[in-house]
Amino acid sequence: MLIYIGSRRQTYLLRHMKPDARRPKWTGRTYAWLFRAWRLPAATYIFTGVDRLDAGERRLAARFYRHINAQGEGFRALNDPAIGMGRFRLLRTLFERGINDFNAYLATERERPSRYPVFIRSATASAAPLTGMLASLAELEGEIARLGASGHPLEDLLIIEFHGEPVREGVYRKQGAYRFGDTYLPNPSIYAATWYVKYSNTYTVPDDLPGYDREVMRDNPMAGVARQAFEIAGMEYGRADIGIVNGRPQIYEINYNPNLQTQRDVPNANAALHKLWAEHDDRVAAALRALDQPRGRSVPSLSSSELTAFRLRLWRNYAPQRY
């Protein structure tokens, strides 16, 4: 059994996954459920949305992470909430370690980008950028002022130096590298006609591009840099989004709760990509099965005065059922 622990909002990714007999049994639960549980079933617990938790929630979740991993056979927890990095700290650290060639800045710090263009996005939400490309410090300060005046919290504004390049004129590519415990998997690329590559369903992929993806699926060339990035981030489960710029891989993000819905049904991909995505789905299913734990007894949950108050006061709207 795999038990995904996250916010109520994030469970939609699980609810929308199609049934797949190749994968182990799984379910989604919230942190509120975890904190209120009196007993914990034997399972692999996957902590998602760690970067969305406040400090108190992370502290409690980290205690559960350690409690689960101390139970022995049949119990495993992934993604330690005490050390997992959020978007800003990860990008800044990857730049400082020389893995990324671009930096990120908080709007509330005094330091400003050393090169342009840049764009602004939320430091916490998985959403599209809040601005287009900003070519100068004056444009950047103007957008920060505009966003603040519109009600966006300044502490949530993340400034990122743009560092990407097209595969060819008007075509951008994003790769993914998954970590499932000790397994690192590549996936075929997602292509788009704009620099912000989210989905391939707005771009018809030419037949000559998937040759690159066949090599990726065969050789897994990003496994090394993905392993470095995941270790730095303190994450044992997730997906790293990667681009290639000047021949060097760049880590744009690591997602704690990657969308595991298949991409092989995307209508404007081509037959070669459909085949590669089917292969990817097989590999993901095998990696998830490797994470599965044998059925066993349940164990008592944690106990503390803080948790007792939380369990008995059911009206308390704490932990990310608030999302």
C-alpha atoms as a PDB file:
ATOM      1  CA  MET A   1       0.000   0.000   0.000  1.00  0.00           C
ATOM      2  CA  LEU A   2       1.147   3.523  -0.848  1.00  0.00           C
ATOM      3  CA  ILE A   3      -0.364   6.328   1.209  1.00  0.00           C
ATOM      4  CA  TYR A   4       0.141   9.810  -0.225  1.00  0.00           C
ATOM      5  CA  ILE A   5      -0.010  12.490   2.475  1.00  0.00           C
ATOM      6  CA  GLY A   6      -0.782  15.995   1.240  1.00  0.00           C
ATOM      7  CA  SER A   7      -3.228  18.856   1.264  1.00  0.00           C
ATOM      8  CA  ARG A   8      -6.840  18.313   0.332  1.00  0.00           C
ATOM      9  CA  ARG A   9      -6.326  20.413  -2.781  1.00  0.00           C
ATOM     10  CA  GLN A  10      -3.426  18.280  -4.009  1.00  0.00           C
ATOM     11  CA  THR A  11      -5.359  15.014  -3.877  1.00  0.00           C
ATOM     12  CA  TYR A  12      -6.967  15.905  -7.224  1.00  0.00           C
ATOM     13  CA  LEU A  13      -3.868  14.538  -8.962  1.00  0.00           C
ATOM     14  CA  LEU A  14      -4.563  11.183  -7.354  1.00  0.00           C
ATOM     15  CA  ARG A  15      -8.302  11.272  -7.942  1.00  0.00           C
ATOM     16  CA  HIS A  16      -7.790  11.927 -11.649  1.00  0.00           C
ATOM     17  CA  MET A  17      -5.377   9.064 -12.243  1.00  0.00           C
ATOM     18  CA  LYS A  18      -6.904   6.336 -14.325  1.00  0.00           C
ATOM     19  CA  PRO A  19      -7.092   2.858 -12.770  1.00  0.00           C
ATOM     20  CA  ASP A  20      -3.968   0.918 -13.660  1.00  0.00           C
ATOM     21  CA  ALA A  21      -3.576  -2.719 -12.654  1.00  0.00           C
ATOM     22  CA  ARG A  22       0.199  -2.454 -13.038  1.00  0.00           C
ATOM     23  CA  ARG A  23       0.494  -0.136 -10.046  1.00  0.00           C
ATOM     24  CA  PRO A  24       0.230  -1.103  -6.382  1.00  0.00           C
ATOM     25  CA  LYS A  25      -2.773  -0.192  -4.293  1.00  0.00           C
ATOM     26  CA  TRP A  26      -2.658   3.432  -3.183  1.00  0.00           C
ATOM     27  CA  THR A  27      -4.759   6.038  -1.428  1.00  0.00           C
ATOM     28  CA  GLY A  28      -4.517   9.759  -0.660  1.00  0.00           C
ATOM     29  CA  ARG A  29      -4.817  11.222   2.824  1.00  0.00           C
ATOM     30  CA  THR A  30      -4.368  14.709   4.249  1.00  0.00           C
ATOM     31  CA  TYR A  31      -1.970  15.888   6.925  1.00  0.00           C
ATOM     32  CA  ALA A  32      -5.049  16.515   9.065  1.00  0.00           C
ATOM     33  CA  TRP A  33      -5.843  12.797   8.787  1.00  0.00           C
ATOM     34  CA  LEU A  34      -2.260  11.867   9.687  1.00  0.00           C
ATOM     35  CA  PHE A  35      -2.162  14.130  12.719  1.00  0.00           C
ATOM     36  CA  ARG A  36      -5.528  12.812  13.985  1.00  0.00           C
ATOM     37  CA  ALA A  37      -4.908   9.095  13.351  1.00  0.00           C
ATOM     38  CA  TRP A  38      -4.709   6.929  16.484  1.00  0.00           C
ATOM     39  CA  ARG A  39      -3.128   4.019  14.590  1.00  0.00           C
ATOM     40  CA  LEU A  40      -1.101   3.843  11.391  1.00  0.00           C
ATOM     41  CA  PRO A  41      -1.498   0.993   8.875  1.00  0.00           C
ATOM     42  CA  ALA A  42       1.550  -0.703   7.399  1.00  0.00           C
ATOM     43  CA  ALA A  43       2.387   1.170   4.182  1.00  0.00           C
ATOM     44  CA  THR A  44       4.831   3.411   2.383  1.00  0.00           C
ATOM     45  CA  TYR A  45       3.920   6.988   3.310  1.00  0.00           C
ATOM     46  CA  ILE A  46       4.808   9.603   0.707  1.00  0.00           C
ATOM     47  CA  PHE A  47       4.861  13.140   2.111  1.00  0.00           C
ATOM     48  CA  THR A  48       3.832  15.617  -0.599  1.00  0.00           C
ATOM     49  CA  GLY A  49       3.446  19.382  -0.535  1.00  0.00           C
ATOM     50  CA  VAL A  50       6.124  19.678   2.133  1.00  0.00           C
ATOM     51  CA  ASP A  51       7.005  23.146   0.835  1.00  0.00           C
ATOM     52  CA  ARG A  52       3.407  24.295   1.465  1.00  0.00           C
ATOM     53  CA  LEU A  53       3.455  23.499   5.201  1.00  0.00           C
ATOM     54  CA  ASP A  54       4.057  26.138   7.844  1.00  0.00           C
ATOM     55  CA  ALA A  55       6.796  25.621  10.431  1.00  0.00           C
ATOM     56  CA  GLY A  56       4.523  23.992  13.007  1.00  0.00           C
ATOM     57  CA  GLU A  57       3.075  21.596  10.466  1.00  0.00           C
ATOM     58  CA  ARG A  58       6.527  20.656   9.187  1.00  0.00           C
ATOM     59  CA  ARG A  59       7.725  19.955  12.711  1.00  0.00           C
ATOM     60  CA  LEU A  60       4.786  17.629  13.406  1.00  0.00           C
ATOM     61  CA  ALA A  61       5.043  15.954  10.006  1.00  0.00           C
ATOM     62  CA  ALA A  62       8.782  15.397  10.516  1.00  0.00           C
ATOM     63  CA  ARG A  63       8.058  13.595  13.782  1.00  0.00           C
ATOM     64  CA  PHE A  64       5.664  11.288  11.943  1.00  0.00           C
ATOM     65  CA  TYR A  65       8.270  10.714   9.222  1.00  0.00           C
ATOM     66  CA  ARG A  66      10.725   9.497  11.841  1.00  0.00           C
ATOM     67  CA  HIS A  67       8.113   7.505  13.752  1.00  0.00           C
ATOM     68  CA  ILE A  68       7.038   5.618  10.602  1.00  0.00           C
ATOM     69  CA  ASN A  69      10.594   4.818   9.546  1.00  0.00           C
ATOM     70  CA  ALA A  70      11.345   3.475  13.024  1.00  0.00           C
ATOM     71  CA  GLN A  71       8.615   0.807  12.824  1.00  0.00           C
ATOM     72  CA  GLY A  72      10.613  -1.693  10.790  1.00  0.00           C
ATOM     73  CA  GLU A  73       9.363  -4.043   8.099  1.00  0.00           C
ATOM     74  CA  GLY A  74       6.152  -2.938   6.431  1.00  0.00           C
ATOM     75  CA  PHE A  75       6.672   0.760   7.152  1.00  0.00           C
ATOM     76  CA  ARG A  76       8.495   3.391   5.144  1.00  0.00           C
ATOM     77  CA  ALA A  77       8.225   7.167   4.791  1.00  0.00           C
ATOM     78  CA  LEU A  78       9.608   9.311   1.978  1.00  0.00           C
ATOM     79  CA  ASN A  79      10.380  13.074   1.867  1.00  0.00           C
ATOM     80  CA  ASP A  80      11.544  14.275   5.276  1.00  0.00           C
ATOM     81  CA  PRO A  81       9.553  17.445   6.069  1.00  0.00           C
ATOM     82  CA  ALA A  82      12.354  18.711   8.318  1.00  0.00           C
ATOM     83  CA  ILE A  83      14.872  19.100   5.508  1.00  0.00           C
ATOM     84  CA  GLY A  84      12.927  19.218   2.219  1.00  0.00           C
ATOM     85  CA  MET A  85      13.588  22.450   0.342  1.00  0.00           C
ATOM     86  CA  GLY A  86      11.082  24.847  -1.122  1.00  0.00           C
ATOM     87  CA  ARG A  87      11.426  26.486  -4.541  1.00  0.00           C
ATOM     88  CA  PHE A  88      13.549  29.494  -3.558  1.00  0.00           C
ATOM     89  CA  ARG A  89      16.041  27.711  -1.320  1.00  0.00           C
ATOM     90  CA  LEU A  90      16.471  24.937  -3.867  1.00  0.00           C
ATOM     91  CA  LEU A  91      17.145  27.279  -6.804  1.00  0.00           C
ATOM     92  CA  ARG A  92      19.520  29.439  -4.781  1.00  0.00           C
ATOM     93  CA  THR A  93      21.412  26.381  -3.515  1.00  0.00           C
ATOM     94  CA  LEU A  94      21.653  24.775  -6.966  1.00  0.00           C
ATOM     95  CA  PHE A  95      23.158  28.031  -8.257  1.00  0.00           C
ATOM     96  CA  GLU A  96      25.611  28.286  -5.362  1.00  0.00           C
ATOM     97  CA  ARG A  97      26.685  24.664  -5.894  1.00  0.00           C
ATOM     98  CA  GLY A  98      27.370  25.307  -9.585  1.00  0.00           C
ATOM     99  CA  ILE A  99      24.691  22.945 -10.870  1.00  0.00           C
ATOM    100  CA  ASN A 100      22.480  25.713 -12.256  1.00  0.00           C
ATOM    101  CA  ASP A 101      23.763  28.688 -14.206  1.00  0.00           C
ATOM    102  CA  PHE A 102      20.915  30.979 -13.104  1.00  0.00           C
ATOM    103  CA  ASN A 103      19.951  32.427  -9.737  1.00  0.00           C
ATOM    104  CA  ALA A 104      16.704  33.212  -7.934  1.00  0.00           C
ATOM    105  CA  TYR A 105      15.861  36.055  -5.543  1.00  0.00           C
ATOM    106  CA  LEU A 106      13.106  36.942  -3.126  1.00  0.00           C
ATOM    107  CA  ALA A 107      11.384  40.230  -3.835  1.00  0.00           C
ATOM    108  CA  THR A 108      11.798  41.135  -0.167  1.00  0.00           C
ATOM    109  CA  GLU A 109      15.600  40.802  -0.124  1.00  0.00           C
ATOM    110  CA  ARG A 110      17.920  43.661  -1.061  1.00  0.00           C
ATOM    111  CA  GLU A 111      19.883  41.704  -3.654  1.00  0.00           C
ATOM    112  CA  ARG A 112      18.632  42.023  -7.214  1.00  0.00           C
ATOM    113  CA  PRO A 113      19.431  39.958 -10.330  1.00  0.00           C
ATOM    114  CA  SER A 114      22.833  40.280 -11.931  1.00  0.00           C
ATOM    115  CA  ARG A 115      21.440  39.722 -15.429  1.00  0.00           C
ATOM    116  CA  TYR A 116      18.196  40.065 -17.353  1.00  0.00           C
ATOM    117  CA  PRO A 117      15.603  39.110 -18.482  1.00  0.00           C
ATOM    118  CA  VAL A 118      13.859  37.763 -15.408  1.00  0.00           C
ATOM    119  CA  PHE A 119      10.311  36.802 -14.515  1.00  0.00           C
ATOM    120  CA  ILE A 120       8.312  36.599 -11.297  1.00  0.00           C
ATOM    121  CA  ARG A 121       6.380  33.627 -10.029  1.00  0.00           C
ATOM    122  CA  SER A 122       4.936  32.484  -6.723  1.00  0.00           C
ATOM    123  CA  ALA A 123       7.483  31.018  -4.342  1.00  0.00           C
ATOM    124  CA  THR A 124       4.973  28.441  -3.109  1.00  0.00           C
ATOM    125  CA  ALA A 125       2.137  27.820  -5.583  1.00  0.00           C
ATOM    126  CA  SER A 126       2.387  25.528  -8.602  1.00  0.00           C
ATOM    127  CA  ALA A 127       1.022  28.109 -10.996  1.00  0.00           C
ATOM    128  CA  ALA A 128       2.046  29.946 -14.132  1.00  0.00           C
ATOM    129  CA  PRO A 129       4.497  32.868 -13.824  1.00  0.00           C
ATOM    130  CA  LEU A 130       2.958  36.107 -12.602  1.00  0.00           C
ATOM    131  CA  THR A 131       4.742  38.184 -15.242  1.00  0.00           C
ATOM    132  CA  GLY A 132       6.248  37.889 -18.672  1.00  0.00           C
ATOM    133  CA  MET A 133       9.903  38.622 -19.333  1.00  0.00           C
ATOM    134  CA  LEU A 134      11.231  41.717 -17.576  1.00  0.00           C
ATOM    135  CA  ALA A 135      14.196  43.269 -19.320  1.00  0.00           C
ATOM    136  CA  SER A 136      15.487  45.710 -16.701  1.00  0.00           C
ATOM    137  CA  LEU A 137      15.598  46.572 -13.027  1.00  0.00           C
ATOM    138  CA  ALA A 138      13.070  49.348 -13.587  1.00  0.00           C
ATOM    139  CA  GLU A 139      10.575  46.914 -15.146  1.00  0.00           C
ATOM    140  CA  LEU A 140      11.171  44.456 -12.305  1.00  0.00           C
ATOM    141  CA  GLU A 141      10.553  47.027  -9.570  1.00  0.00           C
ATOM    142  CA  GLY A 142       7.443  48.217 -11.381  1.00  0.00           C
ATOM    143  CA  GLU A 143       5.996  44.692 -11.499  1.00  0.00           C
ATOM    144  CA  ILE A 144       6.812  44.065  -7.830  1.00  0.00           C
ATOM    145  CA  ALA A 145       4.961  47.266  -6.941  1.00  0.00           C
ATOM    146  CA  ARG A 146       2.015  46.311  -9.150  1.00  0.00           C
ATOM    147  CA  LEU A 147       1.707  42.824  -7.683  1.00  0.00           C
ATOM    148  CA  GLY A 148       1.943  44.128  -4.147  1.00  0.00           C
ATOM    149  CA  ALA A 149      -0.715  46.763  -4.828  1.00  0.00           C
ATOM    150  CA  SER A 150      -3.006  44.068  -6.256  1.00  0.00           C
ATOM    151  CA  GLY A 151      -2.780  42.077  -3.024  1.00  0.00           C
ATOM    152  CA  HIS A 152      -0.114  39.473  -3.768  1.00  0.00           C
ATOM    153  CA  PRO A 153       2.044  38.927  -0.640  1.00  0.00           C
ATOM    154  CA  LEU A 154       5.497  40.303  -1.329  1.00  0.00           C
ATOM    155  CA  GLU A 155       7.137  37.459   0.604  1.00  0.00           C
ATOM    156  CA  ASP A 156       5.692  35.030  -1.941  1.00  0.00           C
ATOM    157  CA  LEU A 157       7.223  36.766  -4.967  1.00  0.00           C
ATOM    158  CA  LEU A 158      10.170  34.879  -6.421  1.00  0.00           C
ATOM    159  CA  ILE A 159      12.371  36.508  -9.079  1.00  0.00           C
ATOM    160  CA  ILE A 160      14.042  34.020 -11.431  1.00  0.00           C
ATOM    161  CA  GLU A 161      16.696  34.740 -14.026  1.00  0.00           C
ATOM    162  CA  PHE A 162      15.518  33.351 -17.339  1.00  0.00           C
ATOM    163  CA  HIS A 163      17.832  30.632 -18.602  1.00  0.00           C
ATOM    164  CA  GLY A 164      16.452  28.627 -21.462  1.00  0.00           C
ATOM    165  CA  GLU A 165      16.944  28.126 -25.158  1.00  0.00           C
ATOM    166  CA  PRO A 166      14.788  26.689 -27.935  1.00  0.00           C
ATOM    167  CA  VAL A 167      15.522  23.338 -29.523  1.00  0.00           C
ATOM    168  CA  ARG A 168      14.926  25.144 -32.796  1.00  0.00           C
ATOM    169  CA  GLU A 169      13.225  28.392 -33.631  1.00  0.00           C
ATOM    170  CA  GLY A 170       9.890  28.500 -31.824  1.00  0.00           C
ATOM    171  CA  VAL A 171      10.220  25.087 -30.126  1.00  0.00           C
ATOM    172  CA  TYR A 172      11.040  24.565 -26.442  1.00  0.00           C
ATOM    173  CA  ARG A 173      11.582  21.280 -24.655  1.00  0.00           C
ATOM    174  CA  LYS A 174      11.365  20.263 -20.997  1.00  0.00           C
ATOM    175  CA  GLN A 175      12.540  16.937 -19.631  1.00  0.00           C
ATOM    176  CA  GLY A 176      11.650  15.216 -16.411  1.00  0.00           C
ATOM    177  CA  ALA A 177      13.628  12.997 -14.080  1.00  0.00           C
ATOM    178  CA  TYR A 178      11.694  11.091 -11.429  1.00  0.00           C
ATOM    179  CA  ARG A 179      12.900   9.746  -8.128  1.00  0.00           C
ATOM    180  CA  PHE A 180      10.990   6.898  -6.530  1.00  0.00           C
ATOM    181  CA  GLY A 181      13.051   5.960  -3.496  1.00  0.00           C
ATOM    182  CA  ASP A 182      16.306   4.571  -4.882  1.00  0.00           C
ATOM    183  CA  THR A 183      15.109   4.541  -8.510  1.00  0.00           C
ATOM    184  CA  TYR A 184      15.726   7.392 -10.955  1.00  0.00           C
ATOM    185  CA  LEU A 185      13.658   7.376 -14.146  1.00  0.00           C
ATOM    186  CA  PRO A 186      13.663   9.596 -17.238  1.00  0.00           C
ATOM    187  CA  ASN A 187      10.568  10.568 -19.125  1.00  0.00           C
ATOM    188  CA  PRO A 188      10.071  11.646 -22.730  1.00  0.00           C
ATOM    189  CA  SER A 189      10.182  15.397 -23.277  1.00  0.00           C
ATOM    190  CA  ILE A 190       7.282  17.804 -23.235  1.00  0.00           C
ATOM    191  CA  TYR A 191       7.349  20.265 -26.148  1.00  0.00           C
ATOM    192  CA  ALA A 192       5.781  23.694 -26.463  1.00  0.00           C
ATOM    193  CA  ALA A 193       5.890  26.738 -28.703  1.00  0.00           C
ATOM    194  CA  THR A 194       6.654  29.099 -25.775  1.00  0.00           C
ATOM    195  CA  TRP A 195       9.381  29.298 -23.153  1.00  0.00           C
ATOM    196  CA  TYR A 196       6.968  28.329 -20.380  1.00  0.00           C
ATOM    197  CA  VAL A 197       6.676  24.596 -21.048  1.00  0.00           C
ATOM    198  CA  LYS A 198       3.828  23.074 -19.083  1.00  0.00           C
ATOM    199  CA  TYR A 199       1.936  20.733 -21.413  1.00  0.00           C
ATOM    200  CA  SER A 200       2.419  19.456 -24.960  1.00  0.00           C
ATOM    201  CA  ASN A 201      -1.248  19.776 -25.891  1.00  0.00           C
ATOM    202  CA  THR A 202      -0.762  23.209 -27.441  1.00  0.00           C
ATOM    203  CA  TYR A 203       1.952  22.131 -29.850  1.00  0.00           C
ATOM    204  CA  THR A 204       2.026  19.457 -32.527  1.00  0.00           C
ATOM    205  CA  VAL A 205       5.328  17.608 -32.211  1.00  0.00           C
ATOM    206  CA  PRO A 206       7.183  17.032 -35.520  1.00  0.00           C
ATOM    207  CA  ASP A 207       8.242  13.478 -36.323  1.00  0.00           C
ATOM    208  CA  ASP A 208      11.971  14.225 -36.205  1.00  0.00           C
ATOM    209  CA  LEU A 209      12.104  15.381 -32.550  1.00  0.00           C
ATOM    210  CA  PRO A 210      11.345  12.128 -30.684  1.00  0.00           C
ATOM    211  CA  GLY A 211      14.645  10.608 -31.807  1.00  0.00           C
ATOM    212  CA  TYR A 212      16.203  12.599 -28.970  1.00  0.00           C
ATOM    213  CA  ASP A 213      13.685  11.142 -26.535  1.00  0.00           C
ATOM    214  CA  ARG A 214      14.440   7.585 -27.593  1.00  0.00           C
ATOM    215  CA  GLU A 215      18.048   8.210 -26.581  1.00  0.00           C
ATOM    216  CA  VAL A 216      16.916   9.707 -23.253  1.00  0.00           C
ATOM    217  CA  MET A 217      14.767   6.691 -22.449  1.00  0.00           C
ATOM    218  CA  ARG A 218      17.584   4.328 -23.462  1.00  0.00           C
ATOM    219  CA  ASP A 219      20.512   6.046 -21.715  1.00  0.00           C
ATOM    220  CA  ASN A 220      18.921   8.043 -18.862  1.00  0.00           C
ATOM    221  CA  PRO A 221      21.568  10.793 -19.288  1.00  0.00           C
ATOM    222  CA  MET A 222      20.110  13.071 -16.597  1.00  0.00           C
ATOM    223  CA  ALA A 223      20.274  10.491 -13.797  1.00  0.00           C
ATOM    224  CA  GLY A 224      23.506  11.902 -12.391  1.00  0.00           C
ATOM    225  CA  VAL A 225      22.432  15.520 -12.143  1.00  0.00           C
ATOM    226  CA  ALA A 226      18.986  14.450 -10.939  1.00  0.00           C
ATOM    227  CA  ARG A 227      20.568  12.433  -8.130  1.00  0.00           C
ATOM    228  CA  GLN A 228      22.602  15.470  -7.074  1.00  0.00           C
ATOM    229  CA  ALA A 229      19.561  17.747  -7.155  1.00  0.00           C
ATOM    230  CA  PHE A 230      17.324  15.401  -5.189  1.00  0.00           C
ATOM    231  CA  GLU A 231      19.980  14.874  -2.548  1.00  0.00           C
ATOM    232  CA  ILE A 232      20.465  18.627  -2.204  1.00  0.00           C
ATOM    233  CA  ALA A 233      16.704  19.130  -1.985  1.00  0.00           C
ATOM    234  CA  GLY A 234      16.319  16.422   0.662  1.00  0.00           C
ATOM    235  CA  MET A 235      13.650  14.668  -1.411  1.00  0.00           C
ATOM    236  CA  GLU A 236      13.191  10.929  -1.915  1.00  0.00           C
ATOM    237  CA  TYR A 237      10.151  11.082  -4.175  1.00  0.00           C
ATOM    238  CA  GLY A 238       9.244  13.599  -6.870  1.00  0.00           C
ATOM    239  CA  ARG A 239      10.016  14.908 -10.335  1.00  0.00           C
ATOM    240  CA  ALA A 240      12.768  17.290 -11.407  1.00  0.00           C
ATOM    241  CA  ASP A 241      12.005  19.535 -14.388  1.00  0.00           C
ATOM    242  CA  ILE A 242      15.112  19.910 -16.545  1.00  0.00           C
ATOM    243  CA  GLY A 243      16.124  21.982 -19.541  1.00  0.00           C
ATOM    244  CA  ILE A 244      19.344  21.910 -21.565  1.00  0.00           C
ATOM    245  CA  VAL A 245      21.064  25.268 -22.120  1.00  0.00           C
ATOM    246  CA  ASN A 246      24.450  25.555 -23.817  1.00  0.00           C
ATOM    247  CA  GLY A 247      24.803  21.809 -23.431  1.00  0.00           C
ATOM    248  CA  ARG A 248      24.320  21.882 -19.640  1.00  0.00           C
ATOM    249  CA  PRO A 249      21.292  20.516 -17.770  1.00  0.00           C
ATOM    250  CA  GLN A 250      19.437  23.095 -15.684  1.00  0.00           C
ATOM    251  CA  ILE A 251      17.059  22.174 -12.853  1.00  0.00           C
ATOM    252  CA  TYR A 252      14.026  24.455 -12.969  1.00  0.00           C
ATOM    253  CA  GLU A 253      12.006  22.849 -10.195  1.00  0.00           C
ATOM    254  CA  ILE A 254      11.480  19.684  -8.187  1.00  0.00           C
ATOM    255  CA  ASN A 255       7.847  18.804  -7.629  1.00  0.00           C
ATOM    256  CA  TYR A 256       6.880  16.912  -4.470  1.00  0.00           C
ATOM    257  CA  ASN A 257       3.623  15.734  -6.018  1.00  0.00           C
ATOM    258  CA  PRO A 258       4.258  15.007  -9.703  1.00  0.00           C
ATOM    259  CA  ASN A 259       1.342  14.321 -11.969  1.00  0.00           C
ATOM    260  CA  LEU A 260       1.467  10.588 -12.734  1.00  0.00           C
ATOM    261  CA  GLN A 261      -1.326  10.684 -15.276  1.00  0.00           C
ATOM    262  CA  THR A 262      -0.211   9.221 -18.578  1.00  0.00           C
ATOM    263  CA  GLN A 263       0.863  11.512 -21.412  1.00  0.00           C
ATOM    264  CA  ARG A 264       0.394   8.872 -24.075  1.00  0.00           C
ATOM    265  CA  ASP A 265      -3.129  10.110 -24.776  1.00  0.00           C
ATOM    266  CA  VAL A 266      -2.020  13.648 -25.704  1.00  0.00           C
ATOM    267  CA  PRO A 267      -3.609  14.037 -29.131  1.00  0.00           C
ATOM    268  CA  ASN A 268      -0.974  16.204 -30.784  1.00  0.00           C
ATOM    269  CA  ALA A 269       1.996  14.104 -29.796  1.00  0.00           C
ATOM    270  CA  ASN A 270       2.993  11.623 -32.477  1.00  0.00           C
ATOM    271  CA  ALA A 271       3.119   7.843 -32.612  1.00  0.00           C
ATOM    272  CA  ALA A 272       6.774   7.702 -31.555  1.00  0.00           C
ATOM    273  CA  LEU A 273       6.127   9.786 -28.443  1.00  0.00           C
ATOM    274  CA  HIS A 274       3.024   7.739 -27.617  1.00  0.00           C
ATOM    275  CA  LYS A 275       5.168   4.606 -27.659  1.00  0.00           C
ATOM    276  CA  LEU A 276       7.827   6.198 -25.449  1.00  0.00           C
ATOM    277  CA  TRP A 277       5.236   7.396 -22.959  1.00  0.00           C
ATOM    278  CA  ALA A 278       3.800   3.871 -22.801  1.00  0.00           C
ATOM    279  CA  GLU A 279       7.303   2.613 -21.976  1.00  0.00           C
ATOM    280  CA  HIS A 280       7.602   5.333 -19.335  1.00  0.00           C
ATOM    281  CA  ASP A 281       4.303   4.268 -17.769  1.00  0.00           C
ATOM    282  CA  ASP A 282       5.593   0.691 -17.481  1.00  0.00           C
ATOM    283  CA  ARG A 283       8.756   1.884 -15.734  1.00  0.00           C
ATOM    284  CA  VAL A 284       6.818   4.092 -13.320  1.00  0.00           C
ATOM    285  CA  ALA A 285       4.526   1.208 -12.395  1.00  0.00           C
ATOM    286  CA  ALA A 286       7.538  -1.027 -11.687  1.00  0.00           C
ATOM    287  CA  ALA A 287       9.184   1.678  -9.546  1.00  0.00           C
ATOM    288  CA  LEU A 288       5.988   2.188  -7.541  1.00  0.00           C
ATOM    289  CA  ARG A 289       5.680  -1.553  -6.983  1.00  0.00           C
ATOM    290  CA  ALA A 290       9.223  -1.514  -5.612  1.00  0.00           C
ATOM    291  CA  LEU A 291       8.112   1.099  -3.064  1.00  0.00           C
ATOM    292  CA  ASP A 292       5.142  -1.000  -1.960  1.00  0.00           C
ATOM    293  CA  GLN A 293       5.290  -2.553   1.495  1.00  0.00           C
ATOM    294  CA  PRO A 294       3.907  -5.962   2.469  1.00  0.00           C
ATOM    295  CA  ARG A 295       0.656  -5.970   4.373  1.00  0.00           C
ATOM    296  CA  GLY A 296       1.142  -6.100   8.117  1.00  0.00           C
ATOM    297  CA  ARG A 297      -0.142  -4.976  11.445  1.00  0.00           C
ATOM    298  CA  SER A 298      -0.941  -1.394  12.245  1.00  0.00           C
ATOM    299  CA  VAL A 299       1.014   0.447  14.920  1.00  0.00           C
ATOM    300  CA  PRO A 300       0.106   3.135  17.440  1.00  0.00           C
ATOM    301  CA  SER A 301       0.477   6.673  16.214  1.00  0.00           C
ATOM    302  CA  LEU A 302       2.491   9.347  17.932  1.00  0.00           C
ATOM    303  CA  SER A 303       1.264  10.750  21.213  1.00  0.00           C
ATOM    304  CA  SER A 304       1.820  14.213  22.661  1.00  0.00           C
ATOM    305  CA  SER A 305      -0.234  16.914  24.347  1.00  0.00           C
ATOM    306  CA  GLU A 306      -0.193  18.915  21.114  1.00  0.00           C
ATOM    307  CA  LEU A 307      -1.524  15.991  19.083  1.00  0.00           C
ATOM    308  CA  THR A 308      -4.102  15.076  21.726  1.00  0.00           C
ATOM    309  CA  ALA A 309      -5.534  18.586  21.568  1.00  0.00           C
ATOM    310  CA  PHE A 310      -5.589  18.421  17.806  1.00  0.00           C
ATOM    311  CA  ARG A 311      -7.362  15.058  17.770  1.00  0.00           C
ATOM    312  CA  LEU A 312     -10.002  15.966  20.299  1.00  0.00           C
ATOM    313  CA  ARG A 313     -10.818  19.446  19.044  1.00  0.00           C
ATOM    314  CA  LEU A 314     -12.244  18.464  15.697  1.00  0.00           C
ATOM    315  CA  TRP A 315     -13.222  22.041  14.866  1.00  0.00           C
ATOM    316  CA  ARG A 316      -9.579  23.093  14.670  1.00  0.00           C
ATOM    317  CA  ASN A 317      -8.861  23.987  11.069  1.00  0.00           C
ATOM    318  CA  TYR A 318      -5.160  23.223  11.192  1.00  0.00           C
ATOM    319  CA  ALA A 319      -2.926  21.287   8.802  1.00  0.00           C
ATOM    320  CA  PRO A 320      -3.499  21.565   5.070  1.00  0.00           C
ATOM    321  CA  GLN A 321      -7.112  20.663   4.818  1.00  0.00           C
ATOM    322  CA  ARG A 322      -7.111  24.477   4.541  1.00  0.00           C
ATOM    323  CA  TYR A 323      -5.930  24.167   0.932  1.00  0.00           C
END
